[in-house]
Amino acid sequence: MYIVAIAWLFVTVLMALTERSVTAGLLTFLLYGLAPLFLFWWVVGAPKRRARNAVRSASVPVEHFPDEPDQQHAHRDQ
């Protein structure tokens, strides 16, 4: 996956260098290079994020339910 990203950025840098102005070159690099690359990484990384969130939510212990009173500091009845 990294080789594709490097190749894509290389091509877009070369495209940006052939533009007539610096502004056009920067916009070409941002809009044709970085924006699609970040969108691609976000879409491809979605299953990993979903699995990581599922593991994280399953490993958090539930101490008490919010509608029940906290019994930690309760004293015994006489």
N, C-alpha and C. Protein backbone atom coordinates (compact mmCIF):
# COMPACT_ATOMS: atom_id res chain seq x y z
N MET A 1 0.82 -1.19 0.00
CA MET A 1 0.00 0.00 0.00
C MET A 1 0.87 1.25 0.00
N TYR A 2 2.00 1.19 0.70
CA TYR A 2 2.86 2.37 0.76
C TYR A 2 3.49 2.68 -0.59
N ILE A 3 3.81 1.67 -1.37
CA ILE A 3 4.42 1.91 -2.68
C ILE A 3 3.44 2.64 -3.60
N VAL A 4 2.17 2.31 -3.49
CA VAL A 4 1.16 3.00 -4.30
C VAL A 4 1.05 4.47 -3.87
N ALA A 5 1.08 4.71 -2.58
CA ALA A 5 0.99 6.09 -2.08
C ALA A 5 2.21 6.90 -2.51
N ILE A 6 3.38 6.31 -2.43
CA ILE A 6 4.60 7.01 -2.84
C ILE A 6 4.57 7.30 -4.33
N ALA A 7 4.15 6.33 -5.13
CA ALA A 7 4.07 6.54 -6.58
C ALA A 7 3.04 7.62 -6.92
N TRP A 8 1.89 7.60 -6.22
CA TRP A 8 0.86 8.61 -6.47
C TRP A 8 1.39 10.00 -6.14
N LEU A 9 2.06 10.14 -5.02
CA LEU A 9 2.61 11.44 -4.65
C LEU A 9 3.70 11.89 -5.61
N PHE A 10 4.50 10.96 -6.10
CA PHE A 10 5.55 11.29 -7.06
C PHE A 10 4.93 11.85 -8.35
N VAL A 11 3.91 11.21 -8.84
CA VAL A 11 3.25 11.67 -10.05
C VAL A 11 2.62 13.04 -9.84
N THR A 12 1.98 13.24 -8.70
CA THR A 12 1.33 14.54 -8.47
C THR A 12 2.35 15.65 -8.24
N VAL A 13 3.49 15.33 -7.67
CA VAL A 13 4.55 16.34 -7.53
C VAL A 13 5.05 16.75 -8.91
N LEU A 14 5.23 15.77 -9.79
CA LEU A 14 5.66 16.10 -11.16
C LEU A 14 4.59 16.91 -11.89
N MET A 15 3.32 16.60 -11.67
CA MET A 15 2.25 17.40 -12.27
C MET A 15 2.27 18.82 -11.73
N ALA A 16 2.50 18.96 -10.42
CA ALA A 16 2.52 20.28 -9.80
C ALA A 16 3.69 21.11 -10.31
N LEU A 17 4.81 20.45 -10.56
CA LEU A 17 5.98 21.19 -11.05
C LEU A 17 5.79 21.71 -12.47
N THR A 18 4.92 21.13 -13.24
CA THR A 18 4.70 21.58 -14.61
C THR A 18 3.67 22.71 -14.71
N GLU A 19 3.05 23.08 -13.61
CA GLU A 19 2.07 24.16 -13.64
C GLU A 19 2.78 25.50 -13.86
N ARG A 20 2.02 26.48 -14.35
CA ARG A 20 2.60 27.77 -14.72
C ARG A 20 2.87 28.67 -13.51
N SER A 21 2.09 28.51 -12.43
CA SER A 21 2.31 29.36 -11.26
C SER A 21 2.44 28.49 -10.01
N VAL A 22 2.98 29.11 -8.96
CA VAL A 22 3.15 28.39 -7.70
C VAL A 22 1.79 28.04 -7.10
N THR A 23 0.84 28.95 -7.20
CA THR A 23 -0.50 28.69 -6.66
C THR A 23 -1.16 27.51 -7.36
N ALA A 24 -1.06 27.48 -8.67
CA ALA A 24 -1.63 26.36 -9.42
C ALA A 24 -0.92 25.06 -9.07
N GLY A 25 0.38 25.12 -8.86
CA GLY A 25 1.13 23.92 -8.47
C GLY A 25 0.72 23.41 -7.11
N LEU A 26 0.56 24.31 -6.14
CA LEU A 26 0.13 23.91 -4.81
C LEU A 26 -1.28 23.33 -4.83
N LEU A 27 -2.17 23.97 -5.56
CA LEU A 27 -3.55 23.46 -5.64
C LEU A 27 -3.59 22.11 -6.35
N THR A 28 -2.78 21.95 -7.38
CA THR A 28 -2.71 20.65 -8.06
C THR A 28 -2.23 19.58 -7.11
N PHE A 29 -1.18 19.88 -6.35
CA PHE A 29 -0.65 18.89 -5.41
C PHE A 29 -1.67 18.57 -4.32
N LEU A 30 -2.34 19.57 -3.78
CA LEU A 30 -3.31 19.33 -2.71
C LEU A 30 -4.55 18.61 -3.21
N LEU A 31 -5.10 19.06 -4.34
CA LEU A 31 -6.37 18.51 -4.81
C LEU A 31 -6.22 17.20 -5.57
N TYR A 32 -5.10 17.01 -6.28
CA TYR A 32 -4.90 15.76 -7.01
C TYR A 32 -4.03 14.77 -6.24
N GLY A 33 -3.27 15.26 -5.27
CA GLY A 33 -2.33 14.39 -4.56
C GLY A 33 -2.77 14.02 -3.16
N LEU A 34 -2.79 15.00 -2.28
CA LEU A 34 -3.05 14.72 -0.87
C LEU A 34 -4.50 14.39 -0.56
N ALA A 35 -5.44 15.12 -1.12
CA ALA A 35 -6.85 14.88 -0.81
C ALA A 35 -7.30 13.46 -1.20
N PRO A 36 -7.03 13.00 -2.42
CA PRO A 36 -7.43 11.62 -2.74
C PRO A 36 -6.67 10.57 -1.92
N LEU A 37 -5.41 10.86 -1.61
CA LEU A 37 -4.63 9.91 -0.82
C LEU A 37 -5.19 9.77 0.60
N PHE A 38 -5.53 10.88 1.22
CA PHE A 38 -6.11 10.81 2.56
C PHE A 38 -7.48 10.14 2.53
N LEU A 39 -8.27 10.40 1.51
CA LEU A 39 -9.57 9.74 1.37
C LEU A 39 -9.38 8.23 1.21
N PHE A 40 -8.41 7.83 0.41
CA PHE A 40 -8.11 6.41 0.21
C PHE A 40 -7.69 5.76 1.52
N TRP A 41 -6.78 6.40 2.28
CA TRP A 41 -6.33 5.83 3.56
C TRP A 41 -7.47 5.76 4.55
N TRP A 42 -8.38 6.72 4.54
CA TRP A 42 -9.51 6.71 5.46
C TRP A 42 -10.45 5.55 5.13
N VAL A 43 -10.74 5.35 3.85
CA VAL A 43 -11.64 4.28 3.44
C VAL A 43 -11.01 2.91 3.69
N VAL A 44 -9.74 2.75 3.38
CA VAL A 44 -9.07 1.47 3.56
C VAL A 44 -8.88 1.17 5.05
N GLY A 45 -8.69 2.19 5.87
CA GLY A 45 -8.47 1.99 7.30
C GLY A 45 -9.73 1.81 8.11
N ALA A 46 -10.90 1.92 7.49
CA ALA A 46 -12.17 1.81 8.23
C ALA A 46 -12.34 0.46 8.93
N PRO A 47 -12.06 -0.68 8.29
CA PRO A 47 -12.21 -1.95 9.02
C PRO A 47 -11.29 -2.07 10.23
N LYS A 48 -10.07 -1.55 10.13
CA LYS A 48 -9.16 -1.59 11.28
C LYS A 48 -9.68 -0.73 12.41
N ARG A 49 -10.18 0.47 12.08
CA ARG A 49 -10.73 1.34 13.12
C ARG A 49 -11.94 0.71 13.78
N ARG A 50 -12.80 0.08 12.99
CA ARG A 50 -14.00 -0.56 13.53
C ARG A 50 -13.62 -1.70 14.46
N ALA A 51 -12.64 -2.52 14.08
CA ALA A 51 -12.21 -3.63 14.92
C ALA A 51 -11.55 -3.12 16.20
N ARG A 52 -10.74 -2.07 16.08
CA ARG A 52 -10.08 -1.51 17.26
C ARG A 52 -11.09 -0.93 18.23
N ASN A 53 -12.12 -0.26 17.71
CA ASN A 53 -13.16 0.28 18.58
C ASN A 53 -13.98 -0.81 19.25
N ALA A 54 -14.22 -1.92 18.53
CA ALA A 54 -14.96 -3.03 19.13
C ALA A 54 -14.17 -3.67 20.26
N VAL A 55 -12.87 -3.83 20.07
CA VAL A 55 -12.03 -4.40 21.13
C VAL A 55 -11.97 -3.44 22.31
N ARG A 56 -11.83 -2.17 22.03
CA ARG A 56 -11.74 -1.18 23.10
C ARG A 56 -13.03 -1.12 23.90
N SER A 57 -14.18 -1.18 23.24
CA SER A 57 -15.44 -1.10 23.96
C SER A 57 -15.74 -2.40 24.71
N ALA A 58 -15.24 -3.53 24.23
CA ALA A 58 -15.47 -4.80 24.92
C ALA A 58 -14.57 -4.94 26.14
N SER A 59 -13.44 -4.25 26.16
CA SER A 59 -12.51 -4.41 27.27
C SER A 59 -12.75 -3.43 28.41
N VAL A 60 -13.67 -2.50 28.25
CA VAL A 60 -13.96 -1.53 29.31
C VAL A 60 -14.93 -2.17 30.29
N PRO A 61 -14.54 -2.34 31.55
CA PRO A 61 -15.46 -2.96 32.52
C PRO A 61 -16.56 -1.99 32.93
N VAL A 62 -17.73 -2.52 33.14
CA VAL A 62 -18.86 -1.72 33.60
C VAL A 62 -18.95 -1.90 35.12
N GLU A 63 -18.73 -0.82 35.87
CA GLU A 63 -18.72 -0.93 37.33
C GLU A 63 -20.13 -0.94 37.90
N HIS A 64 -20.98 -0.08 37.44
CA HIS A 64 -22.36 -0.06 37.89
C HIS A 64 -23.20 0.64 36.84
N PHE A 65 -24.47 0.38 36.88
CA PHE A 65 -25.37 1.02 35.94
C PHE A 65 -25.66 2.42 36.43
N PRO A 66 -25.87 3.37 35.54
CA PRO A 66 -26.06 4.76 35.98
C PRO A 66 -27.31 4.99 36.82
N ASP A 67 -28.35 4.18 36.68
CA ASP A 67 -29.56 4.43 37.45
C ASP A 67 -29.54 3.77 38.82
N GLU A 68 -28.54 2.94 39.09
CA GLU A 68 -28.42 2.32 40.41
C GLU A 68 -27.49 3.16 41.28
N PRO A 69 -27.76 3.24 42.58
CA PRO A 69 -26.86 4.00 43.46
C PRO A 69 -25.53 3.28 43.64
N ASP A 70 -24.53 4.06 43.90
CA ASP A 70 -23.20 3.51 44.13
C ASP A 70 -23.14 2.89 45.52
N GLN A 71 -22.80 1.61 45.63
CA GLN A 71 -22.81 0.89 46.91
C GLN A 71 -21.42 0.80 47.53
N GLN A 72 -20.45 1.53 47.02
CA GLN A 72 -19.09 1.42 47.53
C GLN A 72 -18.97 1.88 48.98
N HIS A 73 -19.62 2.97 49.34
CA HIS A 73 -19.45 3.54 50.66
C HIS A 73 -20.64 3.24 51.58
N ALA A 74 -21.40 2.25 51.23
CA ALA A 74 -22.57 1.90 52.06
C ALA A 74 -22.10 1.13 53.31
N HIS A 75 -22.73 1.42 54.46
CA HIS A 75 -22.42 0.74 55.71
C HIS A 75 -23.42 -0.40 55.94
N ARG A 76 -23.00 -1.36 56.75
CA ARG A 76 -23.91 -2.45 57.08
C ARG A 76 -25.06 -1.96 57.94
N ASP A 77 -26.19 -2.60 57.79
CA ASP A 77 -27.32 -2.30 58.67
C ASP A 77 -27.05 -2.93 60.04
N GLN A 78 -27.66 -2.39 61.07
CA GLN A 78 -27.44 -2.94 62.41
C GLN A 78 -28.23 -4.15 62.69
